[in-house]
Amino acid sequence: MRVQFFSLAIIFLALLSTACASRTPVVQQVSSVDQARCKFLGIITGSSLVGGDSSQVGLGNAQTEALMQARLVKATHVIWVETESKPSGSRVAGQAYECK
């Protein structure tokens, strides 16, 4: 009985987290925005200890971190202004906007 309840609780939490994740707005990565309909929210940054031969993975990790920051400030669009990968790690910076 106790195991069944625990299993049902885990299934319920998994379904709940999936439902919440599907409602998370997607931040569009663009090269420019219409200044007349977009409000600048600030600079977002991300970093990763992965670099060198795995630079694409490191840059992807850094961008994921930065996009999470963008979602927190309710950004709808991001323009990447810096992407850098070295053997010691990767980092990115972007301008976050809310566009109507």
C-alpha atoms as a PDB file:
ATOM      1  CA  MET A   1       0.000   0.000   0.000  1.00  0.00           C
ATOM      2  CA  ARG A   2       2.759   2.410   0.967  1.00  0.00           C
ATOM      3  CA  VAL A   3       4.741   1.583  -2.193  1.00  0.00           C
ATOM      4  CA  GLN A   4       1.681   2.183  -4.380  1.00  0.00           C
ATOM      5  CA  PHE A   5       1.082   5.596  -2.826  1.00  0.00           C
ATOM      6  CA  PHE A   6       4.732   6.527  -3.303  1.00  0.00           C
ATOM      7  CA  SER A   7       4.620   5.391  -6.942  1.00  0.00           C
ATOM      8  CA  LEU A   8       1.441   7.362  -7.599  1.00  0.00           C
ATOM      9  CA  ALA A   9       2.961  10.445  -5.971  1.00  0.00           C
ATOM     10  CA  ILE A  10       6.032  10.231  -8.216  1.00  0.00           C
ATOM     11  CA  ILE A  11       3.876   9.803 -11.333  1.00  0.00           C
ATOM     12  CA  PHE A  12       1.732  12.779 -10.319  1.00  0.00           C
ATOM     13  CA  LEU A  13       4.791  14.989  -9.753  1.00  0.00           C
ATOM     14  CA  ALA A  14       6.282  13.943 -13.093  1.00  0.00           C
ATOM     15  CA  LEU A  15       3.059  14.812 -14.912  1.00  0.00           C
ATOM     16  CA  LEU A  16       2.804  18.108 -13.069  1.00  0.00           C
ATOM     17  CA  SER A  17       6.365  19.112 -13.949  1.00  0.00           C
ATOM     18  CA  THR A  18       5.775  18.172 -17.594  1.00  0.00           C
ATOM     19  CA  ALA A  19       2.651  20.312 -17.704  1.00  0.00           C
ATOM     20  CA  CYS A  20       4.483  23.268 -16.183  1.00  0.00           C
ATOM     21  CA  ALA A  21       7.438  22.877 -18.516  1.00  0.00           C
ATOM     22  CA  SER A  22       5.213  22.856 -21.580  1.00  0.00           C
ATOM     23  CA  ARG A  23       3.834  26.267 -20.588  1.00  0.00           C
ATOM     24  CA  THR A  24       7.264  27.844 -20.298  1.00  0.00           C
ATOM     25  CA  PRO A  25       7.495  30.483 -23.019  1.00  0.00           C
ATOM     26  CA  VAL A  26      10.209  30.036 -25.603  1.00  0.00           C
ATOM     27  CA  VAL A  27      12.783  32.815 -25.811  1.00  0.00           C
ATOM     28  CA  GLN A  28      13.538  33.516 -29.459  1.00  0.00           C
ATOM     29  CA  GLN A  29      17.203  33.859 -30.408  1.00  0.00           C
ATOM     30  CA  VAL A  30      17.411  36.573 -33.073  1.00  0.00           C
ATOM     31  CA  SER A  31      19.965  38.829 -34.759  1.00  0.00           C
ATOM     32  CA  SER A  32      17.929  42.041 -34.333  1.00  0.00           C
ATOM     33  CA  VAL A  33      14.665  43.344 -32.871  1.00  0.00           C
ATOM     34  CA  ASP A  34      12.209  46.088 -33.752  1.00  0.00           C
ATOM     35  CA  GLN A  35      13.202  48.820 -31.307  1.00  0.00           C
ATOM     36  CA  ALA A  36       9.746  50.406 -31.575  1.00  0.00           C
ATOM     37  CA  ARG A  37       7.993  47.349 -30.138  1.00  0.00           C
ATOM     38  CA  CYS A  38      10.702  45.882 -27.899  1.00  0.00           C
ATOM     39  CA  LYS A  39      11.873  46.931 -24.443  1.00  0.00           C
ATOM     40  CA  PHE A  40      15.487  46.264 -23.454  1.00  0.00           C
ATOM     41  CA  LEU A  41      15.547  44.285 -20.186  1.00  0.00           C
ATOM     42  CA  GLY A  42      19.278  43.897 -19.634  1.00  0.00           C
ATOM     43  CA  ILE A  43      22.300  41.721 -20.311  1.00  0.00           C
ATOM     44  CA  ILE A  44      22.122  37.995 -19.637  1.00  0.00           C
ATOM     45  CA  THR A  45      25.176  35.771 -19.273  1.00  0.00           C
ATOM     46  CA  GLY A  46      26.031  32.116 -19.097  1.00  0.00           C
ATOM     47  CA  SER A  47      29.186  30.087 -18.636  1.00  0.00           C
ATOM     48  CA  SER A  48      30.418  26.520 -18.754  1.00  0.00           C
ATOM     49  CA  LEU A  49      33.614  24.788 -17.710  1.00  0.00           C
ATOM     50  CA  VAL A  50      33.467  22.829 -20.974  1.00  0.00           C
ATOM     51  CA  GLY A  51      35.626  24.217 -23.782  1.00  0.00           C
ATOM     52  CA  GLY A  52      38.439  23.253 -26.094  1.00  0.00           C
ATOM     53  CA  ASP A  53      37.591  20.261 -28.312  1.00  0.00           C
ATOM     54  CA  SER A  54      34.073  20.236 -26.849  1.00  0.00           C
ATOM     55  CA  SER A  55      33.448  23.941 -27.461  1.00  0.00           C
ATOM     56  CA  GLN A  56      30.026  23.400 -29.073  1.00  0.00           C
ATOM     57  CA  VAL A  57      28.846  21.553 -25.973  1.00  0.00           C
ATOM     58  CA  GLY A  58      30.271  24.266 -23.732  1.00  0.00           C
ATOM     59  CA  LEU A  59      28.625  27.047 -25.728  1.00  0.00           C
ATOM     60  CA  GLY A  60      25.320  25.158 -25.657  1.00  0.00           C
ATOM     61  CA  ASN A  61      25.537  24.787 -21.880  1.00  0.00           C
ATOM     62  CA  ALA A  62      26.367  28.485 -21.485  1.00  0.00           C
ATOM     63  CA  GLN A  63      23.484  29.513 -23.753  1.00  0.00           C
ATOM     64  CA  THR A  64      21.073  27.301 -21.811  1.00  0.00           C
ATOM     65  CA  GLU A  65      22.110  29.021 -18.571  1.00  0.00           C
ATOM     66  CA  ALA A  66      21.693  32.470 -20.134  1.00  0.00           C
ATOM     67  CA  LEU A  67      18.287  31.572 -21.598  1.00  0.00           C
ATOM     68  CA  MET A  68      17.111  30.520 -18.130  1.00  0.00           C
ATOM     69  CA  GLN A  69      18.054  34.028 -16.937  1.00  0.00           C
ATOM     70  CA  ALA A  70      16.128  35.486 -19.887  1.00  0.00           C
ATOM     71  CA  ARG A  71      13.003  33.559 -18.863  1.00  0.00           C
ATOM     72  CA  LEU A  72      13.340  34.867 -15.303  1.00  0.00           C
ATOM     73  CA  VAL A  73      13.221  38.480 -16.512  1.00  0.00           C
ATOM     74  CA  LYS A  74      10.312  37.616 -18.875  1.00  0.00           C
ATOM     75  CA  ALA A  75      12.314  38.153 -22.069  1.00  0.00           C
ATOM     76  CA  THR A  76      10.778  37.116 -25.367  1.00  0.00           C
ATOM     77  CA  HIS A  77      13.886  37.681 -27.511  1.00  0.00           C
ATOM     78  CA  VAL A  78      17.664  37.463 -27.076  1.00  0.00           C
ATOM     79  CA  ILE A  79      20.438  38.824 -29.265  1.00  0.00           C
ATOM     80  CA  TRP A  80      23.783  37.125 -28.614  1.00  0.00           C
ATOM     81  CA  VAL A  81      26.507  39.775 -28.395  1.00  0.00           C
ATOM     82  CA  GLU A  82      29.349  37.562 -27.202  1.00  0.00           C
ATOM     83  CA  THR A  83      30.143  33.875 -27.609  1.00  0.00           C
ATOM     84  CA  GLU A  84      33.570  32.683 -26.583  1.00  0.00           C
ATOM     85  CA  SER A  85      35.064  29.262 -26.045  1.00  0.00           C
ATOM     86  CA  LYS A  86      38.585  28.592 -24.793  1.00  0.00           C
ATOM     87  CA  PRO A  87      40.241  25.433 -23.464  1.00  0.00           C
ATOM     88  CA  SER A  88      39.358  26.613 -19.961  1.00  0.00           C
ATOM     89  CA  GLY A  89      35.632  27.027 -20.682  1.00  0.00           C
ATOM     90  CA  SER A  90      32.908  28.830 -22.599  1.00  0.00           C
ATOM     91  CA  ARG A  91      30.854  31.943 -21.980  1.00  0.00           C
ATOM     92  CA  VAL A  92      28.105  33.887 -23.669  1.00  0.00           C
ATOM     93  CA  ALA A  93      26.389  37.226 -23.221  1.00  0.00           C
ATOM     94  CA  GLY A  94      23.193  38.478 -24.769  1.00  0.00           C
ATOM     95  CA  GLN A  95      20.785  41.362 -24.759  1.00  0.00           C
ATOM     96  CA  ALA A  96      17.365  40.408 -23.433  1.00  0.00           C
ATOM     97  CA  TYR A  97      14.213  42.069 -24.813  1.00  0.00           C
ATOM     98  CA  GLU A  98      10.500  41.907 -24.215  1.00  0.00           C
ATOM     99  CA  CYS A  99       8.723  42.391 -27.529  1.00  0.00           C
ATOM    100  CA  LYS A 100       4.994  42.952 -27.946  1.00  0.00           C
END
